C-alpha atoms as a PDB file:
ATOM      1  CA  MET A   1      18.496 -17.100 -78.517  1.00  0.00           C
ATOM      2  CA  PRO A   2      21.938 -17.937 -77.061  1.00  0.00           C
ATOM      3  CA  THR A   3      22.418 -17.439 -73.366  1.00  0.00           C
ATOM      4  CA  ILE A   4      25.153 -15.191 -71.959  1.00  0.00           C
ATOM      5  CA  ASP A   5      27.107 -18.294 -70.917  1.00  0.00           C
ATOM      6  CA  ASN A   6      26.902 -19.704 -74.456  1.00  0.00           C
ATOM      7  CA  ARG A   7      28.051 -16.376 -75.948  1.00  0.00           C
ATOM      8  CA  LYS A   8      30.952 -16.179 -73.497  1.00  0.00           C
ATOM      9  CA  GLN A   9      31.981 -19.724 -74.354  1.00  0.00           C
ATOM     10  CA  LEU A  10      31.724 -19.003 -78.087  1.00  0.00           C
ATOM     11  CA  GLY A  11      33.889 -15.901 -77.600  1.00  0.00           C
ATOM     12  CA  ALA A  12      36.483 -17.790 -75.546  1.00  0.00           C
ATOM     13  CA  ASP A  13      36.564 -20.568 -78.152  1.00  0.00           C
ATOM     14  CA  GLY A  14      37.073 -17.978 -80.902  1.00  0.00           C
ATOM     15  CA  GLU A  15      39.961 -16.402 -79.018  1.00  0.00           C
ATOM     16  CA  ARG A  16      41.634 -19.818 -78.655  1.00  0.00           C
ATOM     17  CA  VAL A  17      41.218 -20.491 -82.372  1.00  0.00           C
ATOM     18  CA  VAL A  18      42.730 -17.107 -83.301  1.00  0.00           C
ATOM     19  CA  ARG A  19      45.602 -17.559 -80.853  1.00  0.00           C
ATOM     20  CA  ALA A  20      46.474 -20.922 -82.447  1.00  0.00           C
ATOM     21  CA  HIS A  21      46.088 -19.417 -85.934  1.00  0.00           C
ATOM     22  CA  LEU A  22      48.462 -16.525 -85.176  1.00  0.00           C
ATOM     23  CA  GLU A  23      50.996 -18.797 -83.502  1.00  0.00           C
ATOM     24  CA  GLY A  24      50.862 -21.000 -86.599  1.00  0.00           C
ATOM     25  CA  LEU A  25      51.805 -17.912 -88.624  1.00  0.00           C
ATOM     26  CA  GLY A  26      54.852 -17.421 -86.401  1.00  0.00           C
ATOM     27  CA  TRP A  27      53.408 -14.668 -84.218  1.00  0.00           C
ATOM     28  CA  ARG A  28      54.315 -14.485 -80.531  1.00  0.00           C
ATOM     29  CA  ILE A  29      51.386 -13.928 -78.175  1.00  0.00           C
ATOM     30  CA  LEU A  30      52.328 -11.433 -75.448  1.00  0.00           C
ATOM     31  CA  GLU A  31      48.985 -11.044 -73.662  1.00  0.00           C
ATOM     32  CA  SER A  32      45.552 -12.633 -73.644  1.00  0.00           C
ATOM     33  CA  ASN A  33      42.587 -10.695 -72.305  1.00  0.00           C
ATOM     34  CA  TYR A  34      44.711  -7.701 -71.267  1.00  0.00           C
ATOM     35  CA  ARG A  35      42.629  -5.515 -68.951  1.00  0.00           C
ATOM     36  CA  CYS A  36      43.056  -1.945 -67.795  1.00  0.00           C
ATOM     37  CA  ARG A  37      40.764   0.912 -66.748  1.00  0.00           C
ATOM     38  CA  SER A  38      39.896   1.635 -70.394  1.00  0.00           C
ATOM     39  CA  GLY A  39      38.709  -1.893 -71.142  1.00  0.00           C
ATOM     40  CA  GLU A  40      40.043  -5.171 -72.488  1.00  0.00           C
ATOM     41  CA  MET A  41      42.070  -6.290 -75.511  1.00  0.00           C
ATOM     42  CA  ASP A  42      41.576  -9.895 -76.568  1.00  0.00           C
ATOM     43  CA  LEU A  43      45.137 -10.518 -77.773  1.00  0.00           C
ATOM     44  CA  ILE A  44      48.368  -8.571 -77.969  1.00  0.00           C
ATOM     45  CA  ALA A  45      50.970 -10.166 -80.211  1.00  0.00           C
ATOM     46  CA  GLU A  46      54.202  -9.610 -82.066  1.00  0.00           C
ATOM     47  CA  GLU A  47      54.189 -10.305 -85.780  1.00  0.00           C
ATOM     48  CA  PRO A  48      57.640 -10.969 -87.242  1.00  0.00           C
ATOM     49  CA  ALA A  49      58.685  -8.485 -89.922  1.00  0.00           C
ATOM     50  CA  ALA A  50      61.864  -7.702 -91.851  1.00  0.00           C
ATOM     51  CA  ASP A  51      62.265  -4.353 -90.029  1.00  0.00           C
ATOM     52  CA  GLY A  52      61.654  -5.943 -86.624  1.00  0.00           C
ATOM     53  CA  PRO A  53      58.536  -7.244 -84.920  1.00  0.00           C
ATOM     54  CA  VAL A  54      55.267  -5.331 -85.154  1.00  0.00           C
ATOM     55  CA  LEU A  55      53.138  -5.061 -82.025  1.00  0.00           C
ATOM     56  CA  VAL A  56      49.578  -6.015 -82.989  1.00  0.00           C
ATOM     57  CA  PHE A  57      46.478  -5.405 -80.881  1.00  0.00           C
ATOM     58  CA  VAL A  58      43.857  -7.956 -81.889  1.00  0.00           C
ATOM     59  CA  GLU A  59      40.126  -7.803 -81.254  1.00  0.00           C
ATOM     60  CA  VAL A  60      38.452 -11.175 -81.819  1.00  0.00           C
ATOM     61  CA  LYS A  61      34.824 -11.384 -82.923  1.00  0.00           C
ATOM     62  CA  THR A  62      33.126 -14.752 -83.270  1.00  0.00           C
ATOM     63  CA  ARG A  63      29.798 -15.653 -84.868  1.00  0.00           C
ATOM     64  CA  ARG A  64      27.918 -18.856 -85.427  1.00  0.00           C
ATOM     65  CA  GLY A  65      25.758 -18.297 -88.473  1.00  0.00           C
ATOM     66  CA  GLU A  66      24.817 -15.090 -90.248  1.00  0.00           C
ATOM     67  CA  ALA A  67      21.804 -14.010 -88.205  1.00  0.00           C
ATOM     68  CA  HIS A  68      23.714 -11.143 -86.581  1.00  0.00           C
ATOM     69  CA  GLY A  69      25.850 -10.150 -89.575  1.00  0.00           C
ATOM     70  CA  ALA A  70      29.590 -10.426 -90.081  1.00  0.00           C
ATOM     71  CA  PRO A  71      31.703 -10.445 -86.935  1.00  0.00           C
ATOM     72  CA  ILE A  72      33.635  -7.313 -87.970  1.00  0.00           C
ATOM     73  CA  GLU A  73      30.377  -5.350 -88.080  1.00  0.00           C
ATOM     74  CA  ALA A  74      30.426  -5.416 -84.265  1.00  0.00           C
ATOM     75  CA  VAL A  75      33.581  -3.277 -84.278  1.00  0.00           C
ATOM     76  CA  ASP A  76      32.252   0.220 -84.864  1.00  0.00           C
ATOM     77  CA  ALA A  77      34.036   3.568 -84.438  1.00  0.00           C
ATOM     78  CA  ARG A  78      33.088   3.742 -80.758  1.00  0.00           C
ATOM     79  CA  LYS A  79      34.542   0.268 -80.102  1.00  0.00           C
ATOM     80  CA  VAL A  80      37.735   1.156 -82.012  1.00  0.00           C
ATOM     81  CA  ALA A  81      38.130   4.316 -79.881  1.00  0.00           C
ATOM     82  CA  ARG A  82      37.840   2.263 -76.673  1.00  0.00           C
ATOM     83  CA  LEU A  83      40.328  -0.293 -77.965  1.00  0.00           C
ATOM     84  CA  ARG A  84      42.761   2.488 -78.902  1.00  0.00           C
ATOM     85  CA  ASN A  85      42.666   3.652 -75.293  1.00  0.00           C
ATOM     86  CA  VAL A  86      43.464   0.130 -74.122  1.00  0.00           C
ATOM     87  CA  ALA A  87      46.379  -0.027 -76.581  1.00  0.00           C
ATOM     88  CA  LEU A  88      47.690   3.328 -75.369  1.00  0.00           C
ATOM     89  CA  ALA A  89      47.499   2.139 -71.763  1.00  0.00           C
ATOM     90  CA  TYR A  90      49.449  -0.987 -72.697  1.00  0.00           C
ATOM     91  CA  LEU A  91      52.071   1.044 -74.539  1.00  0.00           C
ATOM     92  CA  GLY A  92      52.321   3.451 -71.615  1.00  0.00           C
ATOM     93  CA  THR A  93      53.234   0.669 -69.219  1.00  0.00           C
ATOM     94  CA  ARG A  94      55.757  -0.908 -71.559  1.00  0.00           C
ATOM     95  CA  SER A  95      57.532   1.883 -73.395  1.00  0.00           C
ATOM     96  CA  VAL A  96      61.299   1.663 -73.165  1.00  0.00           C
ATOM     97  CA  GLY A  97      63.329   4.843 -73.339  1.00  0.00           C
ATOM     98  CA  GLY A  98      60.524   6.685 -75.121  1.00  0.00           C
ATOM     99  CA  GLN A  99      60.770   4.478 -78.201  1.00  0.00           C
ATOM    100  CA  GLU A 100      57.431   3.174 -79.351  1.00  0.00           C
ATOM    101  CA  PRO A 101      57.385  -0.050 -81.355  1.00  0.00           C
ATOM    102  CA  ALA A 102      55.702  -0.245 -84.737  1.00  0.00           C
ATOM    103  CA  CYS A 103      52.121  -1.238 -83.969  1.00  0.00           C
ATOM    104  CA  ARG A 104      48.674  -1.644 -85.485  1.00  0.00           C
ATOM    105  CA  PHE A 105      45.141  -2.763 -84.666  1.00  0.00           C
ATOM    106  CA  ASP A 106      43.662  -5.887 -86.312  1.00  0.00           C
ATOM    107  CA  VAL A 107      40.265  -7.546 -86.083  1.00  0.00           C
ATOM    108  CA  ALA A 108      40.090 -11.326 -86.316  1.00  0.00           C
ATOM    109  CA  GLU A 109      36.738 -12.708 -87.466  1.00  0.00           C
ATOM    110  CA  VAL A 110      35.903 -16.262 -86.513  1.00  0.00           C
ATOM    111  CA  TRP A 111      33.044 -18.098 -88.170  1.00  0.00           C
ATOM    112  CA  SER A 112      32.196 -21.077 -85.989  1.00  0.00           C
ATOM    113  CA  GLY A 113      30.187 -23.872 -87.544  1.00  0.00           C
ATOM    114  CA  TRP A 114      27.803 -26.145 -85.674  1.00  0.00           C
ATOM    115  CA  ASP A 115      30.106 -28.989 -86.717  1.00  0.00           C
ATOM    116  CA  GLY A 116      32.943 -27.520 -84.614  1.00  0.00           C
ATOM    117  CA  LEU A 117      34.944 -26.302 -87.601  1.00  0.00           C
ATOM    118  CA  CYS A 118      36.048 -22.661 -87.678  1.00  0.00           C
ATOM    119  CA  ALA A 119      37.237 -20.214 -90.313  1.00  0.00           C
ATOM    120  CA  VAL A 120      39.431 -17.224 -89.416  1.00  0.00           C
ATOM    121  CA  ARG A 121      39.755 -13.993 -91.385  1.00  0.00           C
ATOM    122  CA  LEU A 122      42.250 -11.398 -90.227  1.00  0.00           C
ATOM    123  CA  HIS A 123      41.507  -7.744 -91.048  1.00  0.00           C
ATOM    124  CA  ARG A 124      44.787  -5.853 -90.753  1.00  0.00           C
ATOM    125  CA  ALA A 125      45.195  -2.222 -89.755  1.00  0.00           C
ATOM    126  CA  VAL A 126      41.529  -1.501 -88.921  1.00  0.00           C
ATOM    127  CA  GLU A 127      40.787   2.143 -88.197  1.00  0.00           C
END
């Protein structure tokens, strides 16, 4: 059974992998590990779009192996509700003139192999 330190390291490694992946897609990372009273958001980024950038709140879930199921399975309705509150807090501190940017919530799954190789799958607009 992995220790808490090992799980934290695996999670931090997954977040770094997703950050690099999103930057490689041309996204701009605005925040990492944004914290407020409601909780924490792993990444907040801007995705370029034809109509202007989209603000994307990204929860990163990392797994090594399939013993605990797919990473996205850890993001249940209760977790999504908490993350929505974090997103609203972020928007509340950054709204300009009452105009809210286009935004969405994504989950990034990271499968980390024992060989150090990772695979990323981005689930867009998770509700």
